[in-house]
Each structure stands twice: as C-alpha cells, then as structure tokens.
C-alpha cells in the first residue's frame, strides 16, 4: 500500500511540474522513464521504444491540456486531475483492438416487464453525498482485455447499492466472473 501511495504522489508531482509549462523533451523523457518503471514496460528494440515514447508524449500532452482546460473552467480549488495510465503508450487502434474486444451485440431482451417508480420524495435529500468517503465505492478494477466492461460495471454498481442499503462495511466485492458466466447466452463475452 505504501508503494501505491508513493506512485500516486510521484504521478501528481510530475503532472504538477508539467502543467502551465510547455512540455520540454527533457520533461517528457523524465515522465516516460517514470511511466516505464511504474507500469513495468519492456520494449524489444530502440525503434519500438521511440515509437512508444512518441505515443506517450502525445497522450501526456493531451492529459496536461485537459487538466489545464478543466482548471481554467472550474476555477480555484478543483479536485479534478487526469493522469496517464498503463495504456498511455498505445495508439488508439492498438487500444481498441486489445481492450475493446471488437463489436458488441445489441441486447434483445424485451423491456416491457420493467417497472419504474413514478414519484420520489426529494424533500429530504442532502445537498451532496461523497459515496467514496461513505465507503460505497470500491477500487478501480482492471478488466485487462476481457471485454467484460458490462460485468465490471454491473458488479461495481451492485456492490455500492448493497452497501448503501445494508450499511455493511467494508464494501463486499461481488463476482464479475459470475455475471459473465450467467450472461454469455445473451451475446456477452
């Protein structure tokens, strides 16, 4: 857990140092070196490393620009910080081919049996709720190249709703694999 906190601190420090300045080649090289260590990247040739660095530099530039744009629009005190992740050295095509798992099918389940509540009493709602602080949001899951984002999200939402309803802490992780196993007959992977 200490390493994770240190990694986040290093990442935020890098982004803070890069924000509001042009991304110099030296700063990109430093950020790329940290990226390689953090995500244990290995490149098999100098040409591949150079190509990955170019892709990383573009992604990093996009992240810095997004942070600056958001902070300009939202003003002082914004908590929003985008960052690079393990996929920052992939092209959009590589990301799509490796992680989006091709085309999805359209669900064919009839929606006629779903009921909705017409009215809610909204008079006693708090102005805001931090569900992370309340313990109703678990850690981010990495589905890798499974193609089961629907199952990851379904499990995540169910975990949070269950915790909110029961108050049981810590958050109980639900099985993504069980959702996948029970939904393949509907065209899911």
N, C-alpha and C. Protein backbone atom coordinates (compact mmCIF):
# COMPACT_ATOMS: atom_id res chain seq x y z
N UNK A 1 0.82 -1.19 0.00
CA UNK A 1 0.00 0.00 0.00
C UNK A 1 0.87 1.26 0.00
N UNK A 2 2.02 1.19 0.67
CA UNK A 2 2.91 2.35 0.68
C UNK A 2 3.38 2.69 -0.72
N UNK A 3 3.68 1.65 -1.53
CA UNK A 3 4.17 1.88 -2.89
C UNK A 3 3.10 2.56 -3.74
N UNK A 4 1.85 2.14 -3.57
CA UNK A 4 0.76 2.74 -4.34
C UNK A 4 0.65 4.22 -4.03
N UNK A 5 0.71 4.58 -2.77
CA UNK A 5 0.64 5.99 -2.38
C UNK A 5 1.81 6.77 -2.93
N UNK A 6 2.99 6.17 -2.91
CA UNK A 6 4.18 6.82 -3.45
C UNK A 6 4.03 7.03 -4.95
N UNK A 7 3.50 6.02 -5.64
CA UNK A 7 3.30 6.12 -7.09
C UNK A 7 2.36 7.26 -7.42
N UNK A 8 1.27 7.37 -6.68
CA UNK A 8 0.31 8.45 -6.92
C UNK A 8 0.97 9.80 -6.66
N UNK A 9 1.75 9.90 -5.59
CA UNK A 9 2.44 11.15 -5.28
C UNK A 9 3.40 11.53 -6.39
N UNK A 10 4.16 10.55 -6.90
CA UNK A 10 5.10 10.82 -7.99
C UNK A 10 4.34 11.28 -9.23
N UNK A 11 3.25 10.59 -9.56
CA UNK A 11 2.47 10.94 -10.75
C UNK A 11 1.90 12.35 -10.63
N UNK A 12 1.37 12.70 -9.48
CA UNK A 12 0.81 14.04 -9.30
C UNK A 12 1.90 15.10 -9.34
N UNK A 13 3.07 14.78 -8.79
CA UNK A 13 4.18 15.72 -8.82
C UNK A 13 4.63 15.97 -10.26
N UNK A 14 4.71 14.91 -11.04
CA UNK A 14 5.09 15.05 -12.45
C UNK A 14 4.09 15.91 -13.18
N UNK A 15 2.80 15.61 -13.01
CA UNK A 15 1.78 16.39 -13.71
C UNK A 15 1.78 17.84 -13.27
N UNK A 16 1.98 18.08 -11.98
CA UNK A 16 2.01 19.46 -11.49
C UNK A 16 3.20 20.21 -12.10
N UNK A 17 4.33 19.53 -12.19
CA UNK A 17 5.52 20.18 -12.76
C UNK A 17 5.33 20.46 -14.25
N UNK A 18 4.55 19.61 -14.92
CA UNK A 18 4.35 19.79 -16.35
C UNK A 18 3.27 20.81 -16.67
N UNK A 19 2.34 21.01 -15.76
CA UNK A 19 1.24 21.91 -16.01
C UNK A 19 1.73 23.35 -16.09
N UNK A 20 1.12 24.11 -16.95
CA UNK A 20 1.41 25.52 -17.15
C UNK A 20 2.77 25.78 -17.78
N UNK A 21 3.43 24.77 -18.27
CA UNK A 21 4.69 24.94 -18.99
C UNK A 21 4.59 24.16 -20.29
N UNK A 22 5.40 24.55 -21.23
CA UNK A 22 5.49 23.73 -22.43
C UNK A 22 6.12 22.40 -22.04
N UNK A 23 5.70 21.35 -22.68
CA UNK A 23 6.28 20.04 -22.39
C UNK A 23 7.62 19.94 -23.10
N UNK A 24 8.69 20.18 -22.37
CA UNK A 24 10.02 20.08 -22.96
C UNK A 24 10.36 18.61 -23.18
N UNK A 25 11.28 18.37 -24.08
CA UNK A 25 11.71 17.00 -24.35
C UNK A 25 12.26 16.35 -23.08
N UNK A 26 12.97 17.13 -22.27
CA UNK A 26 13.52 16.60 -21.03
C UNK A 26 12.41 16.16 -20.08
N UNK A 27 11.38 16.98 -19.94
CA UNK A 27 10.27 16.64 -19.05
C UNK A 27 9.51 15.41 -19.56
N UNK A 28 9.35 15.33 -20.87
CA UNK A 28 8.70 14.16 -21.45
C UNK A 28 9.54 12.91 -21.19
N UNK A 29 10.87 13.03 -21.38
CA UNK A 29 11.76 11.89 -21.12
C UNK A 29 11.67 11.44 -19.67
N UNK A 30 11.65 12.40 -18.74
CA UNK A 30 11.55 12.06 -17.31
C UNK A 30 10.22 11.37 -17.01
N UNK A 31 9.14 11.91 -17.54
CA UNK A 31 7.82 11.32 -17.32
C UNK A 31 7.74 9.93 -17.95
N UNK A 32 8.34 9.76 -19.14
CA UNK A 32 8.32 8.47 -19.81
C UNK A 32 9.14 7.45 -19.02
N UNK A 33 10.28 7.86 -18.48
CA UNK A 33 11.10 6.96 -17.66
C UNK A 33 10.32 6.50 -16.43
N UNK A 34 9.61 7.43 -15.78
CA UNK A 34 8.78 7.07 -14.62
C UNK A 34 7.65 6.13 -15.04
N UNK A 35 7.05 6.39 -16.19
CA UNK A 35 5.98 5.56 -16.73
C UNK A 35 6.47 4.13 -16.94
N UNK A 36 7.66 3.97 -17.53
CA UNK A 36 8.22 2.64 -17.79
C UNK A 36 8.41 1.88 -16.49
N UNK A 37 8.92 2.55 -15.47
CA UNK A 37 9.14 1.89 -14.18
C UNK A 37 7.81 1.55 -13.52
N UNK A 38 6.91 2.52 -13.47
CA UNK A 38 5.63 2.35 -12.78
C UNK A 38 4.82 1.20 -13.36
N UNK A 39 4.79 1.09 -14.69
CA UNK A 39 3.96 0.08 -15.34
C UNK A 39 4.78 -1.10 -15.87
N UNK A 40 6.04 -1.18 -15.46
CA UNK A 40 6.93 -2.30 -15.80
C UNK A 40 6.91 -2.60 -17.30
N UNK A 41 7.11 -1.57 -18.08
CA UNK A 41 7.11 -1.70 -19.53
C UNK A 41 8.46 -2.20 -20.01
N UNK A 42 8.44 -3.04 -21.03
CA UNK A 42 9.66 -3.52 -21.68
C UNK A 42 9.48 -3.39 -23.18
N UNK A 43 10.43 -2.77 -23.82
CA UNK A 43 10.39 -2.60 -25.27
C UNK A 43 11.55 -3.39 -25.85
N UNK A 44 11.29 -4.09 -26.97
CA UNK A 44 12.26 -5.05 -27.50
C UNK A 44 13.26 -4.45 -28.47
N UNK A 45 13.10 -3.19 -28.80
CA UNK A 45 14.08 -2.54 -29.67
C UNK A 45 14.05 -1.04 -29.41
N UNK A 46 15.08 -0.38 -29.85
CA UNK A 46 15.13 1.08 -29.71
C UNK A 46 14.04 1.74 -30.55
N UNK A 47 13.77 1.15 -31.72
CA UNK A 47 12.71 1.70 -32.59
C UNK A 47 11.35 1.61 -31.91
N UNK A 48 11.08 0.46 -31.27
CA UNK A 48 9.80 0.32 -30.56
C UNK A 48 9.73 1.31 -29.39
N UNK A 49 10.82 1.43 -28.65
CA UNK A 49 10.85 2.37 -27.53
C UNK A 49 10.57 3.80 -28.00
N UNK A 50 11.19 4.18 -29.10
CA UNK A 50 10.98 5.54 -29.64
C UNK A 50 9.53 5.75 -30.08
N UNK A 51 8.95 4.73 -30.71
CA UNK A 51 7.54 4.84 -31.13
C UNK A 51 6.63 4.97 -29.91
N UNK A 52 6.89 4.17 -28.88
CA UNK A 52 6.08 4.21 -27.66
C UNK A 52 6.24 5.55 -26.95
N UNK A 53 7.46 6.10 -26.99
CA UNK A 53 7.69 7.40 -26.37
C UNK A 53 6.88 8.48 -27.09
N UNK A 54 6.84 8.41 -28.43
CA UNK A 54 6.05 9.39 -29.19
C UNK A 54 4.57 9.31 -28.83
N UNK A 55 4.05 8.09 -28.75
CA UNK A 55 2.65 7.91 -28.37
C UNK A 55 2.41 8.42 -26.95
N UNK A 56 3.35 8.11 -26.04
CA UNK A 56 3.25 8.57 -24.66
C UNK A 56 3.26 10.09 -24.61
N UNK A 57 4.15 10.72 -25.37
CA UNK A 57 4.26 12.19 -25.37
C UNK A 57 2.95 12.82 -25.82
N UNK A 58 2.31 12.25 -26.84
CA UNK A 58 1.02 12.78 -27.30
C UNK A 58 -0.03 12.64 -26.20
N UNK A 59 -0.09 11.46 -25.59
CA UNK A 59 -1.07 11.23 -24.52
C UNK A 59 -0.82 12.17 -23.36
N UNK A 60 0.44 12.32 -22.97
CA UNK A 60 0.78 13.22 -21.87
C UNK A 60 0.38 14.65 -22.19
N UNK A 61 0.65 15.08 -23.41
CA UNK A 61 0.23 16.43 -23.82
C UNK A 61 -1.27 16.60 -23.74
N UNK A 62 -2.03 15.57 -24.16
CA UNK A 62 -3.49 15.62 -24.08
C UNK A 62 -3.96 15.71 -22.63
N UNK A 63 -3.31 14.96 -21.75
CA UNK A 63 -3.67 14.96 -20.33
C UNK A 63 -3.41 16.33 -19.71
N UNK A 64 -2.23 16.88 -19.97
CA UNK A 64 -1.89 18.20 -19.42
C UNK A 64 -2.86 19.25 -19.94
N UNK A 65 -3.18 19.20 -21.23
CA UNK A 65 -4.12 20.16 -21.81
C UNK A 65 -5.51 20.02 -21.19
N UNK A 66 -5.95 18.78 -20.98
CA UNK A 66 -7.27 18.55 -20.37
C UNK A 66 -7.30 19.09 -18.94
N UNK A 67 -6.23 18.87 -18.18
CA UNK A 67 -6.18 19.40 -16.82
C UNK A 67 -6.22 20.92 -16.81
N UNK A 68 -5.43 21.53 -17.69
CA UNK A 68 -5.40 23.00 -17.74
C UNK A 68 -6.75 23.55 -18.15
N UNK A 69 -7.38 22.94 -19.15
CA UNK A 69 -8.69 23.40 -19.61
C UNK A 69 -9.73 23.27 -18.50
N UNK A 70 -9.72 22.15 -17.82
CA UNK A 70 -10.68 21.94 -16.73
C UNK A 70 -10.46 22.95 -15.60
N UNK A 71 -9.20 23.15 -15.23
CA UNK A 71 -8.90 24.07 -14.13
C UNK A 71 -9.24 25.51 -14.49
N UNK A 72 -9.06 25.89 -15.76
CA UNK A 72 -9.45 27.24 -16.19
C UNK A 72 -10.96 27.42 -16.09
N UNK A 73 -11.71 26.40 -16.49
CA UNK A 73 -13.16 26.50 -16.48
C UNK A 73 -13.74 26.43 -15.07
N UNK A 74 -13.16 25.59 -14.22
CA UNK A 74 -13.76 25.36 -12.91
C UNK A 74 -13.22 26.28 -11.82
N UNK A 75 -12.11 26.94 -12.07
CA UNK A 75 -11.58 27.88 -11.09
C UNK A 75 -10.74 27.22 -10.02
N UNK A 76 -10.48 27.98 -8.98
CA UNK A 76 -9.60 27.55 -7.90
C UNK A 76 -10.28 26.47 -7.07
N UNK A 77 -9.49 25.54 -6.57
CA UNK A 77 -9.99 24.52 -5.67
C UNK A 77 -10.53 23.27 -6.35
N UNK A 78 -10.29 23.12 -7.62
CA UNK A 78 -10.78 21.95 -8.33
C UNK A 78 -10.00 20.71 -7.91
N UNK A 79 -10.70 19.60 -7.69
CA UNK A 79 -10.06 18.34 -7.33
C UNK A 79 -9.74 17.48 -8.54
N UNK A 80 -10.18 17.90 -9.72
CA UNK A 80 -10.04 17.09 -10.93
C UNK A 80 -8.60 17.04 -11.38
N UNK A 81 -8.07 15.82 -11.51
CA UNK A 81 -6.72 15.64 -12.05
C UNK A 81 -6.74 14.39 -12.93
N UNK A 82 -6.61 14.59 -14.22
CA UNK A 82 -6.45 13.46 -15.14
C UNK A 82 -4.97 13.06 -15.12
N UNK A 83 -4.69 11.81 -15.46
CA UNK A 83 -3.32 11.33 -15.45
C UNK A 83 -3.16 10.28 -16.53
N UNK A 84 -1.94 9.96 -16.87
CA UNK A 84 -1.68 8.86 -17.78
C UNK A 84 -1.90 7.55 -17.04
N UNK A 85 -2.16 6.49 -17.79
CA UNK A 85 -2.28 5.17 -17.18
C UNK A 85 -1.43 4.18 -17.98
N UNK A 86 -1.60 2.91 -17.72
CA UNK A 86 -0.77 1.88 -18.35
C UNK A 86 -0.92 1.82 -19.86
N UNK A 87 -1.95 2.47 -20.41
CA UNK A 87 -2.21 2.42 -21.84
C UNK A 87 -1.69 3.65 -22.58
N UNK A 88 -0.96 4.51 -21.91
CA UNK A 88 -0.52 5.78 -22.50
C UNK A 88 0.45 5.62 -23.65
N UNK A 89 1.04 4.46 -23.83
CA UNK A 89 1.97 4.24 -24.94
C UNK A 89 1.35 3.44 -26.08
N UNK A 90 0.02 3.33 -26.09
CA UNK A 90 -0.67 2.62 -27.16
C UNK A 90 -1.34 3.60 -28.11
N UNK A 91 -1.42 3.23 -29.37
CA UNK A 91 -2.20 4.02 -30.32
C UNK A 91 -3.68 3.73 -30.06
N UNK A 92 -4.55 4.56 -30.59
CA UNK A 92 -5.98 4.34 -30.43
C UNK A 92 -6.39 2.99 -31.04
N UNK A 93 -5.77 2.64 -32.16
CA UNK A 93 -6.09 1.37 -32.81
C UNK A 93 -5.64 0.18 -31.96
N UNK A 94 -4.45 0.27 -31.38
CA UNK A 94 -3.96 -0.81 -30.51
C UNK A 94 -4.84 -0.96 -29.28
N UNK A 95 -5.22 0.16 -28.71
CA UNK A 95 -6.08 0.13 -27.53
C UNK A 95 -7.41 -0.54 -27.88
N UNK A 96 -8.01 -0.12 -28.99
CA UNK A 96 -9.31 -0.67 -29.39
C UNK A 96 -9.20 -2.16 -29.69
N UNK A 97 -8.17 -2.56 -30.41
CA UNK A 97 -8.01 -3.97 -30.78
C UNK A 97 -7.75 -4.85 -29.56
N UNK A 98 -6.97 -4.35 -28.63
CA UNK A 98 -6.59 -5.16 -27.48
C UNK A 98 -7.54 -5.12 -26.32
N UNK A 99 -8.31 -4.05 -26.20
CA UNK A 99 -9.11 -3.89 -24.99
C UNK A 99 -10.61 -3.72 -25.22
N UNK A 100 -11.01 -3.35 -26.41
CA UNK A 100 -12.44 -3.14 -26.63
C UNK A 100 -13.11 -4.38 -27.22
N UNK A 101 -12.34 -5.37 -27.58
CA UNK A 101 -12.83 -6.69 -27.99
C UNK A 101 -13.84 -6.68 -29.12
N UNK A 102 -13.66 -5.84 -30.08
CA UNK A 102 -14.49 -5.88 -31.27
C UNK A 102 -15.89 -5.33 -31.08
N UNK A 103 -16.78 -5.76 -31.94
CA UNK A 103 -18.14 -5.25 -31.95
C UNK A 103 -18.97 -5.88 -30.84
N UNK A 104 -19.90 -5.12 -30.34
CA UNK A 104 -20.82 -5.64 -29.34
C UNK A 104 -22.15 -5.94 -30.02
N UNK A 105 -22.92 -6.79 -29.40
CA UNK A 105 -24.23 -7.12 -29.94
C UNK A 105 -25.29 -6.26 -29.27
N UNK A 106 -26.38 -6.05 -29.96
CA UNK A 106 -27.49 -5.29 -29.40
C UNK A 106 -28.34 -6.24 -28.56
N UNK A 107 -28.68 -5.85 -27.33
CA UNK A 107 -29.49 -6.73 -26.49
C UNK A 107 -30.87 -6.96 -27.11
N UNK A 108 -31.39 -8.15 -26.92
CA UNK A 108 -32.70 -8.48 -27.47
C UNK A 108 -33.71 -8.78 -26.37
N UNK A 109 -33.43 -8.37 -25.16
CA UNK A 109 -34.34 -8.61 -24.04
C UNK A 109 -35.47 -7.60 -24.11
N UNK A 110 -36.74 -8.06 -24.05
CA UNK A 110 -37.85 -7.11 -24.09
C UNK A 110 -37.87 -6.25 -22.82
N UNK A 111 -38.12 -4.97 -22.99
CA UNK A 111 -38.13 -4.06 -21.85
C UNK A 111 -39.52 -3.84 -21.28
N UNK A 112 -40.52 -4.58 -21.76
CA UNK A 112 -41.90 -4.35 -21.33
C UNK A 112 -42.15 -4.79 -19.89
N UNK A 113 -41.34 -5.67 -19.34
CA UNK A 113 -41.58 -6.16 -17.98
C UNK A 113 -40.88 -5.34 -16.91
N UNK A 114 -40.22 -4.28 -17.29
CA UNK A 114 -39.50 -3.45 -16.32
C UNK A 114 -40.45 -2.38 -15.79
N UNK A 115 -40.51 -2.28 -14.47
CA UNK A 115 -41.37 -1.26 -13.88
C UNK A 115 -40.52 -0.13 -13.33
N UNK A 116 -41.07 1.06 -13.35
CA UNK A 116 -40.38 2.24 -12.86
C UNK A 116 -41.25 2.91 -11.81
N UNK A 117 -40.62 3.46 -10.82
CA UNK A 117 -41.36 4.23 -9.82
C UNK A 117 -41.62 5.61 -10.38
N UNK A 118 -42.85 6.06 -10.27
CA UNK A 118 -43.22 7.34 -10.87
C UNK A 118 -42.76 8.54 -10.06
N UNK A 119 -42.85 8.44 -8.74
CA UNK A 119 -42.56 9.63 -7.95
C UNK A 119 -41.62 9.30 -6.80
N UNK A 120 -40.84 10.27 -6.45
CA UNK A 120 -39.90 10.16 -5.34
C UNK A 120 -40.10 11.36 -4.44
N UNK A 121 -39.89 11.14 -3.14
CA UNK A 121 -39.91 12.27 -2.22
C UNK A 121 -38.49 12.83 -2.17
N UNK A 122 -38.30 13.96 -2.81
CA UNK A 122 -36.97 14.57 -2.90
C UNK A 122 -36.75 15.65 -1.85
N UNK A 123 -37.69 15.83 -0.94
CA UNK A 123 -37.60 16.94 0.01
C UNK A 123 -36.53 16.72 1.08
N UNK A 124 -36.19 15.49 1.40
CA UNK A 124 -35.24 15.23 2.48
C UNK A 124 -33.85 14.83 1.99
N UNK A 125 -33.55 15.09 0.75
CA UNK A 125 -32.25 14.70 0.22
C UNK A 125 -31.17 15.69 0.65
N UNK A 126 -29.97 15.17 0.98
CA UNK A 126 -28.87 16.09 1.27
C UNK A 126 -28.42 16.80 0.00
N UNK A 127 -27.75 17.92 0.17
CA UNK A 127 -27.25 18.68 -0.99
C UNK A 127 -26.28 17.86 -1.82
N UNK A 128 -25.41 17.09 -1.15
CA UNK A 128 -24.47 16.22 -1.86
C UNK A 128 -24.05 15.08 -0.94
N UNK A 129 -23.55 14.02 -1.56
CA UNK A 129 -23.06 12.86 -0.82
C UNK A 129 -21.76 12.42 -1.48
N UNK A 130 -20.73 12.20 -0.68
CA UNK A 130 -19.47 11.67 -1.19
C UNK A 130 -19.49 10.16 -0.93
N UNK A 131 -19.86 9.40 -1.96
CA UNK A 131 -20.01 7.96 -1.79
C UNK A 131 -18.67 7.26 -1.57
N UNK A 132 -17.60 7.84 -2.05
CA UNK A 132 -16.27 7.27 -1.78
C UNK A 132 -15.99 7.36 -0.29
N UNK A 133 -16.19 8.55 0.27
CA UNK A 133 -15.96 8.75 1.70
C UNK A 133 -16.91 7.89 2.54
N UNK A 134 -18.11 7.67 2.04
CA UNK A 134 -19.09 6.85 2.76
C UNK A 134 -18.77 5.36 2.69
N UNK A 135 -17.77 4.98 1.89
CA UNK A 135 -17.37 3.58 1.80
C UNK A 135 -18.19 2.78 0.81
N UNK A 136 -18.90 3.44 -0.08
CA UNK A 136 -19.78 2.75 -1.02
C UNK A 136 -19.17 2.58 -2.41
N UNK A 137 -17.91 2.96 -2.57
CA UNK A 137 -17.23 2.83 -3.86
C UNK A 137 -15.92 2.09 -3.63
N UNK A 138 -15.74 1.01 -4.36
CA UNK A 138 -14.53 0.22 -4.23
C UNK A 138 -13.43 0.72 -5.14
N UNK A 139 -12.31 0.02 -5.16
CA UNK A 139 -11.20 0.42 -6.02
C UNK A 139 -11.53 0.18 -7.49
N UNK A 140 -10.81 0.87 -8.35
CA UNK A 140 -10.98 0.70 -9.79
C UNK A 140 -10.49 -0.70 -10.16
N UNK A 141 -11.27 -1.38 -10.96
CA UNK A 141 -10.89 -2.73 -11.41
C UNK A 141 -10.31 -2.63 -12.82
N UNK A 142 -9.36 -3.50 -13.10
CA UNK A 142 -8.75 -3.55 -14.43
C UNK A 142 -9.22 -4.83 -15.11
N UNK A 143 -10.05 -4.70 -16.12
CA UNK A 143 -10.58 -5.87 -16.82
C UNK A 143 -9.59 -6.44 -17.82
N UNK A 144 -8.46 -5.77 -18.00
CA UNK A 144 -7.46 -6.16 -18.99
C UNK A 144 -8.13 -6.26 -20.36
N UNK A 145 -7.95 -7.36 -21.08
CA UNK A 145 -8.55 -7.46 -22.41
C UNK A 145 -9.72 -8.44 -22.42
N UNK A 146 -10.43 -8.53 -21.33
CA UNK A 146 -11.52 -9.48 -21.18
C UNK A 146 -12.75 -9.11 -22.00
N UNK A 147 -13.04 -7.83 -22.15
CA UNK A 147 -14.24 -7.42 -22.88
C UNK A 147 -15.49 -7.48 -22.04
N UNK A 148 -15.32 -7.52 -20.74
CA UNK A 148 -16.46 -7.67 -19.84
C UNK A 148 -16.76 -6.40 -19.07
N UNK A 149 -16.61 -5.25 -19.71
CA UNK A 149 -16.83 -3.99 -19.00
C UNK A 149 -18.24 -3.91 -18.44
N UNK A 150 -19.22 -4.49 -19.14
CA UNK A 150 -20.60 -4.50 -18.64
C UNK A 150 -20.67 -5.22 -17.29
N UNK A 151 -19.94 -6.34 -17.15
CA UNK A 151 -19.98 -7.12 -15.91
C UNK A 151 -19.24 -6.40 -14.79
N UNK A 152 -18.12 -5.76 -15.12
CA UNK A 152 -17.38 -4.98 -14.12
C UNK A 152 -18.27 -3.87 -13.58
N UNK A 153 -18.94 -3.15 -14.48
CA UNK A 153 -19.80 -2.05 -14.04
C UNK A 153 -21.02 -2.54 -13.28
N UNK A 154 -21.62 -3.64 -13.72
CA UNK A 154 -22.78 -4.18 -13.02
C UNK A 154 -22.39 -4.59 -11.60
N UNK A 155 -21.26 -5.27 -11.45
CA UNK A 155 -20.81 -5.67 -10.12
C UNK A 155 -20.49 -4.46 -9.25
N UNK A 156 -19.84 -3.47 -9.83
CA UNK A 156 -19.48 -2.26 -9.09
C UNK A 156 -20.72 -1.53 -8.58
N UNK A 157 -21.70 -1.37 -9.45
CA UNK A 157 -22.94 -0.68 -9.06
C UNK A 157 -23.67 -1.49 -7.99
N UNK A 158 -23.76 -2.81 -8.18
CA UNK A 158 -24.45 -3.65 -7.20
C UNK A 158 -23.76 -3.61 -5.84
N UNK A 159 -22.43 -3.62 -5.83
CA UNK A 159 -21.69 -3.52 -4.56
C UNK A 159 -22.05 -2.24 -3.81
N UNK A 160 -22.02 -1.14 -4.54
CA UNK A 160 -22.32 0.15 -3.92
C UNK A 160 -23.74 0.23 -3.42
N UNK A 161 -24.70 -0.21 -4.23
CA UNK A 161 -26.11 -0.18 -3.82
C UNK A 161 -26.33 -1.07 -2.61
N UNK A 162 -25.69 -2.25 -2.59
CA UNK A 162 -25.82 -3.16 -1.45
C UNK A 162 -25.27 -2.52 -0.19
N UNK A 163 -24.11 -1.87 -0.29
CA UNK A 163 -23.52 -1.22 0.88
C UNK A 163 -24.39 -0.08 1.36
N UNK A 164 -24.92 0.71 0.45
CA UNK A 164 -25.79 1.83 0.83
C UNK A 164 -27.04 1.31 1.53
N UNK A 165 -27.63 0.24 1.00
CA UNK A 165 -28.87 -0.31 1.56
C UNK A 165 -28.64 -0.96 2.92
N UNK A 166 -27.54 -1.73 3.06
CA UNK A 166 -27.32 -2.50 4.29
C UNK A 166 -26.44 -1.79 5.31
N UNK A 167 -25.58 -0.90 4.84
CA UNK A 167 -24.63 -0.24 5.74
C UNK A 167 -23.45 -1.10 6.11
N UNK A 168 -23.35 -2.30 5.54
CA UNK A 168 -22.26 -3.22 5.87
C UNK A 168 -20.95 -2.66 5.35
N UNK A 169 -19.95 -2.63 6.24
CA UNK A 169 -18.61 -2.19 5.87
C UNK A 169 -17.62 -3.22 6.34
N UNK A 170 -16.55 -3.44 5.64
CA UNK A 170 -16.17 -2.79 4.39
C UNK A 170 -17.02 -3.28 3.23
N UNK A 171 -16.89 -2.60 2.13
CA UNK A 171 -17.61 -2.93 0.91
C UNK A 171 -17.32 -4.38 0.52
N UNK A 172 -18.35 -5.12 0.21
CA UNK A 172 -18.19 -6.53 -0.16
C UNK A 172 -18.05 -6.62 -1.68
N UNK A 173 -16.93 -7.17 -2.18
CA UNK A 173 -16.76 -7.28 -3.63
C UNK A 173 -17.68 -8.36 -4.20
N UNK A 174 -18.36 -8.05 -5.30
CA UNK A 174 -19.22 -9.00 -5.98
C UNK A 174 -18.44 -9.62 -7.14
N UNK A 175 -18.87 -10.80 -7.56
CA UNK A 175 -18.15 -11.56 -8.58
C UNK A 175 -18.47 -11.09 -9.99
N UNK A 176 -17.47 -10.56 -10.66
CA UNK A 176 -17.60 -10.20 -12.07
C UNK A 176 -17.73 -11.48 -12.90
N UNK A 177 -16.95 -12.49 -12.55
CA UNK A 177 -16.96 -13.74 -13.32
C UNK A 177 -18.35 -14.38 -13.31
N UNK A 178 -19.05 -14.31 -12.19
CA UNK A 178 -20.38 -14.90 -12.13
C UNK A 178 -21.34 -14.19 -13.09
N UNK A 179 -21.23 -12.88 -13.18
CA UNK A 179 -22.07 -12.12 -14.11
C UNK A 179 -21.74 -12.51 -15.55
N UNK A 180 -20.46 -12.65 -15.86
CA UNK A 180 -20.05 -13.07 -17.20
C UNK A 180 -20.60 -14.46 -17.51
N UNK A 181 -20.44 -15.39 -16.57
CA UNK A 181 -20.89 -16.76 -16.78
C UNK A 181 -22.40 -16.84 -17.02
N UNK A 182 -23.15 -15.97 -16.36
CA UNK A 182 -24.61 -16.01 -16.46
C UNK A 182 -25.16 -15.19 -17.62
N UNK A 183 -24.31 -14.49 -18.35
CA UNK A 183 -24.82 -13.61 -19.40
C UNK A 183 -24.30 -13.95 -20.80
N UNK A 184 -23.52 -15.00 -20.93
CA UNK A 184 -22.98 -15.31 -22.26
C UNK A 184 -24.06 -15.74 -23.24
N UNK A 185 -25.15 -16.31 -22.75
CA UNK A 185 -26.23 -16.72 -23.67
C UNK A 185 -26.93 -15.52 -24.29
N UNK A 186 -26.68 -14.31 -23.77
CA UNK A 186 -27.26 -13.09 -24.33
C UNK A 186 -26.29 -12.39 -25.28
N UNK A 187 -25.20 -13.06 -25.62
CA UNK A 187 -24.25 -12.49 -26.57
C UNK A 187 -23.09 -11.77 -25.92
N UNK A 188 -23.05 -11.77 -24.59
CA UNK A 188 -21.94 -11.12 -23.90
C UNK A 188 -20.73 -12.04 -23.87
N UNK A 189 -19.56 -11.41 -23.67
CA UNK A 189 -18.32 -12.18 -23.61
C UNK A 189 -17.85 -12.27 -22.18
